[in-house]
Amino acid sequence: MSATRDAVGRTLELGVDPFTVIGIAPPGLDAAFRTHPDLNKVHARANVDNTASQGVMEKAGMVQEGVLRQNRVERGETIDEAWFGVLRGEWTEAREGARRG
């Protein structure tokens, strides 16, 4: 997994190996928001056919923001990508709700 930070836009993109499912777990998102106090959003993307990766992102609390058509070439084939994201406010609210039970 890799991370690319955009300090101007206050976002962080998590990169996941496109050929394997590597979890974007809540502890990783917690760490991203704690490490970068000015960070407003964490986002990631997956091949639209990779429902396992999309499920991991949804389970971690990210929401699908859209699909970029023919956005990347993978194994010689042009693919569509589903983009997911979570805003700091959404993340904070979800974590506080989980703590309250």
C-alpha atoms as a PDB file:
ATOM      1  CA  MET A   1       0.000   0.000   0.000  1.00  0.00           C
ATOM      2  CA  SER A   2       1.195   3.520  -0.725  1.00  0.00           C
ATOM      3  CA  ALA A   3      -0.044   6.973   0.183  1.00  0.00           C
ATOM      4  CA  THR A   4       0.109  10.224  -1.783  1.00  0.00           C
ATOM      5  CA  ARG A   5      -0.649  13.448   0.083  1.00  0.00           C
ATOM      6  CA  ASP A   6      -1.976  16.634  -1.517  1.00  0.00           C
ATOM      7  CA  ALA A   7      -1.204  19.321   1.055  1.00  0.00           C
ATOM      8  CA  VAL A   8      -3.013  22.043  -0.902  1.00  0.00           C
ATOM      9  CA  GLY A   9      -6.229  20.039  -1.275  1.00  0.00           C
ATOM     10  CA  ARG A  10      -5.773  18.464   2.180  1.00  0.00           C
ATOM     11  CA  THR A  11      -6.365  14.965   0.826  1.00  0.00           C
ATOM     12  CA  LEU A  12      -4.560  11.648   1.024  1.00  0.00           C
ATOM     13  CA  GLU A  13      -4.895   8.946  -1.624  1.00  0.00           C
ATOM     14  CA  LEU A  14      -4.275   5.391  -0.510  1.00  0.00           C
ATOM     15  CA  GLY A  15      -2.852   3.227  -3.269  1.00  0.00           C
ATOM     16  CA  VAL A  16      -3.645  -0.465  -3.279  1.00  0.00           C
ATOM     17  CA  ASP A  17      -1.907  -3.058  -5.459  1.00  0.00           C
ATOM     18  CA  PRO A  18      -4.430  -3.507  -8.294  1.00  0.00           C
ATOM     19  CA  PHE A  19      -3.895  -7.275  -8.457  1.00  0.00           C
ATOM     20  CA  THR A  20      -4.468  -8.115  -4.783  1.00  0.00           C
ATOM     21  CA  VAL A  21      -6.860  -7.124  -2.041  1.00  0.00           C
ATOM     22  CA  ILE A  22      -4.985  -5.248   0.666  1.00  0.00           C
ATOM     23  CA  GLY A  23      -7.289  -3.993   3.386  1.00  0.00           C
ATOM     24  CA  ILE A  24      -7.859  -0.333   4.034  1.00  0.00           C
ATOM     25  CA  ALA A  25      -8.679  -0.914   7.680  1.00  0.00           C
ATOM     26  CA  PRO A  26     -10.128   1.555  10.180  1.00  0.00           C
ATOM     27  CA  PRO A  27      -6.830   1.684  12.171  1.00  0.00           C
ATOM     28  CA  GLY A  28      -5.054   2.890   9.021  1.00  0.00           C
ATOM     29  CA  LEU A  29      -7.642   5.600   8.464  1.00  0.00           C
ATOM     30  CA  ASP A  30      -7.395   6.600  12.143  1.00  0.00           C
ATOM     31  CA  ALA A  31      -3.622   6.886  11.744  1.00  0.00           C
ATOM     32  CA  ALA A  32      -3.955   8.991   8.595  1.00  0.00           C
ATOM     33  CA  PHE A  33      -6.261  11.507  10.264  1.00  0.00           C
ATOM     34  CA  ARG A  34      -4.165  11.578  13.489  1.00  0.00           C
ATOM     35  CA  THR A  35      -0.845  11.960  11.655  1.00  0.00           C
ATOM     36  CA  HIS A  36      -2.105  14.783   9.442  1.00  0.00           C
ATOM     37  CA  PRO A  37      -4.302  17.089  11.566  1.00  0.00           C
ATOM     38  CA  ASP A  38      -5.114  19.332   8.581  1.00  0.00           C
ATOM     39  CA  LEU A  39      -6.203  16.383   6.439  1.00  0.00           C
ATOM     40  CA  ASN A  40      -9.816  16.676   5.300  1.00  0.00           C
ATOM     41  CA  LYS A  41     -10.258  13.546   3.164  1.00  0.00           C
ATOM     42  CA  VAL A  42      -8.825  10.102   2.488  1.00  0.00           C
ATOM     43  CA  HIS A  43      -9.670   8.495  -0.828  1.00  0.00           C
ATOM     44  CA  ALA A  44      -8.843   5.338  -2.769  1.00  0.00           C
ATOM     45  CA  ARG A  45      -9.840   3.704  -6.033  1.00  0.00           C
ATOM     46  CA  ALA A  46     -10.378   0.226  -7.402  1.00  0.00           C
ATOM     47  CA  ASN A  47     -11.156  -1.472 -10.675  1.00  0.00           C
ATOM     48  CA  VAL A  48     -14.964  -1.533 -10.992  1.00  0.00           C
ATOM     49  CA  ASP A  49     -14.778  -5.315 -11.459  1.00  0.00           C
ATOM     50  CA  ASN A  50     -12.865  -5.734  -8.174  1.00  0.00           C
ATOM     51  CA  THR A  51     -15.824  -5.999  -5.830  1.00  0.00           C
ATOM     52  CA  ALA A  52     -13.626  -7.414  -3.051  1.00  0.00           C
ATOM     53  CA  SER A  53     -11.537  -4.221  -2.855  1.00  0.00           C
ATOM     54  CA  GLN A  54     -14.669  -2.093  -3.021  1.00  0.00           C
ATOM     55  CA  GLY A  55     -16.170  -4.108  -0.177  1.00  0.00           C
ATOM     56  CA  VAL A  56     -13.082  -3.535   1.951  1.00  0.00           C
ATOM     57  CA  MET A  57     -13.320   0.220   1.387  1.00  0.00           C
ATOM     58  CA  GLU A  58     -17.031   0.266   2.236  1.00  0.00           C
ATOM     59  CA  LYS A  59     -16.479  -1.854   5.352  1.00  0.00           C
ATOM     60  CA  ALA A  60     -13.801   0.600   6.460  1.00  0.00           C
ATOM     61  CA  GLY A  61     -16.351   3.434   6.253  1.00  0.00           C
ATOM     62  CA  MET A  62     -15.574   4.895   2.849  1.00  0.00           C
ATOM     63  CA  VAL A  63     -18.371   5.742   0.409  1.00  0.00           C
ATOM     64  CA  GLN A  64     -18.330   5.434  -3.365  1.00  0.00           C
ATOM     65  CA  GLU A  65     -18.019   8.891  -4.873  1.00  0.00           C
ATOM     66  CA  GLY A  66     -18.172   7.958  -8.520  1.00  0.00           C
ATOM     67  CA  VAL A  67     -16.758   5.994 -11.422  1.00  0.00           C
ATOM     68  CA  LEU A  68     -14.087   7.316 -13.770  1.00  0.00           C
ATOM     69  CA  ARG A  69     -14.604   5.627 -17.112  1.00  0.00           C
ATOM     70  CA  GLN A  70     -11.605   4.217 -18.980  1.00  0.00           C
ATOM     71  CA  ASN A  71      -9.338   5.860 -16.436  1.00  0.00           C
ATOM     72  CA  ARG A  72      -6.416   3.420 -16.333  1.00  0.00           C
ATOM     73  CA  VAL A  73      -4.754   0.749 -18.414  1.00  0.00           C
ATOM     74  CA  GLU A  74      -4.332  -2.534 -16.567  1.00  0.00           C
ATOM     75  CA  ARG A  75      -2.749  -5.565 -18.213  1.00  0.00           C
ATOM     76  CA  GLY A  76      -3.170  -3.869 -21.582  1.00  0.00           C
ATOM     77  CA  GLU A  77      -6.897  -3.236 -21.096  1.00  0.00           C
ATOM     78  CA  THR A  78      -8.560   0.114 -20.404  1.00  0.00           C
ATOM     79  CA  ILE A  79     -10.615  -0.112 -17.222  1.00  0.00           C
ATOM     80  CA  ASP A  80     -13.123   1.931 -15.274  1.00  0.00           C
ATOM     81  CA  GLU A  81     -12.261   2.860 -11.694  1.00  0.00           C
ATOM     82  CA  ALA A  82     -14.594   3.267  -8.734  1.00  0.00           C
ATOM     83  CA  TRP A  83     -13.487   6.067  -6.397  1.00  0.00           C
ATOM     84  CA  PHE A  84     -14.188   5.940  -2.669  1.00  0.00           C
ATOM     85  CA  GLY A  85     -13.578   8.506   0.038  1.00  0.00           C
ATOM     86  CA  VAL A  86     -14.211   9.482   3.624  1.00  0.00           C
ATOM     87  CA  LEU A  87     -14.197  13.015   5.024  1.00  0.00           C
ATOM     88  CA  ARG A  88     -12.711  13.831   8.420  1.00  0.00           C
ATOM     89  CA  GLY A  89     -16.113  14.883   9.780  1.00  0.00           C
ATOM     90  CA  GLU A  90     -17.730  11.626   8.645  1.00  0.00           C
ATOM     91  CA  TRP A  91     -14.870   9.598  10.107  1.00  0.00           C
ATOM     92  CA  THR A  92     -14.945  11.442  13.430  1.00  0.00           C
ATOM     93  CA  GLU A  93     -18.719  11.076  13.707  1.00  0.00           C
ATOM     94  CA  ALA A  94     -18.568   7.346  12.916  1.00  0.00           C
ATOM     95  CA  ARG A  95     -15.770   6.728  15.452  1.00  0.00           C
ATOM     96  CA  GLU A  96     -17.574   8.663  18.191  1.00  0.00           C
ATOM     97  CA  GLY A  97     -20.797   6.773  17.466  1.00  0.00           C
ATOM     98  CA  ALA A  98     -18.942   3.446  17.672  1.00  0.00           C
ATOM     99  CA  ARG A  99     -17.451   4.388  21.051  1.00  0.00           C
ATOM    100  CA  ARG A 100     -20.869   5.291  22.453  1.00  0.00           C
ATOM    101  CA  GLY A 101     -22.133   1.919  21.419  1.00  0.00           C
END
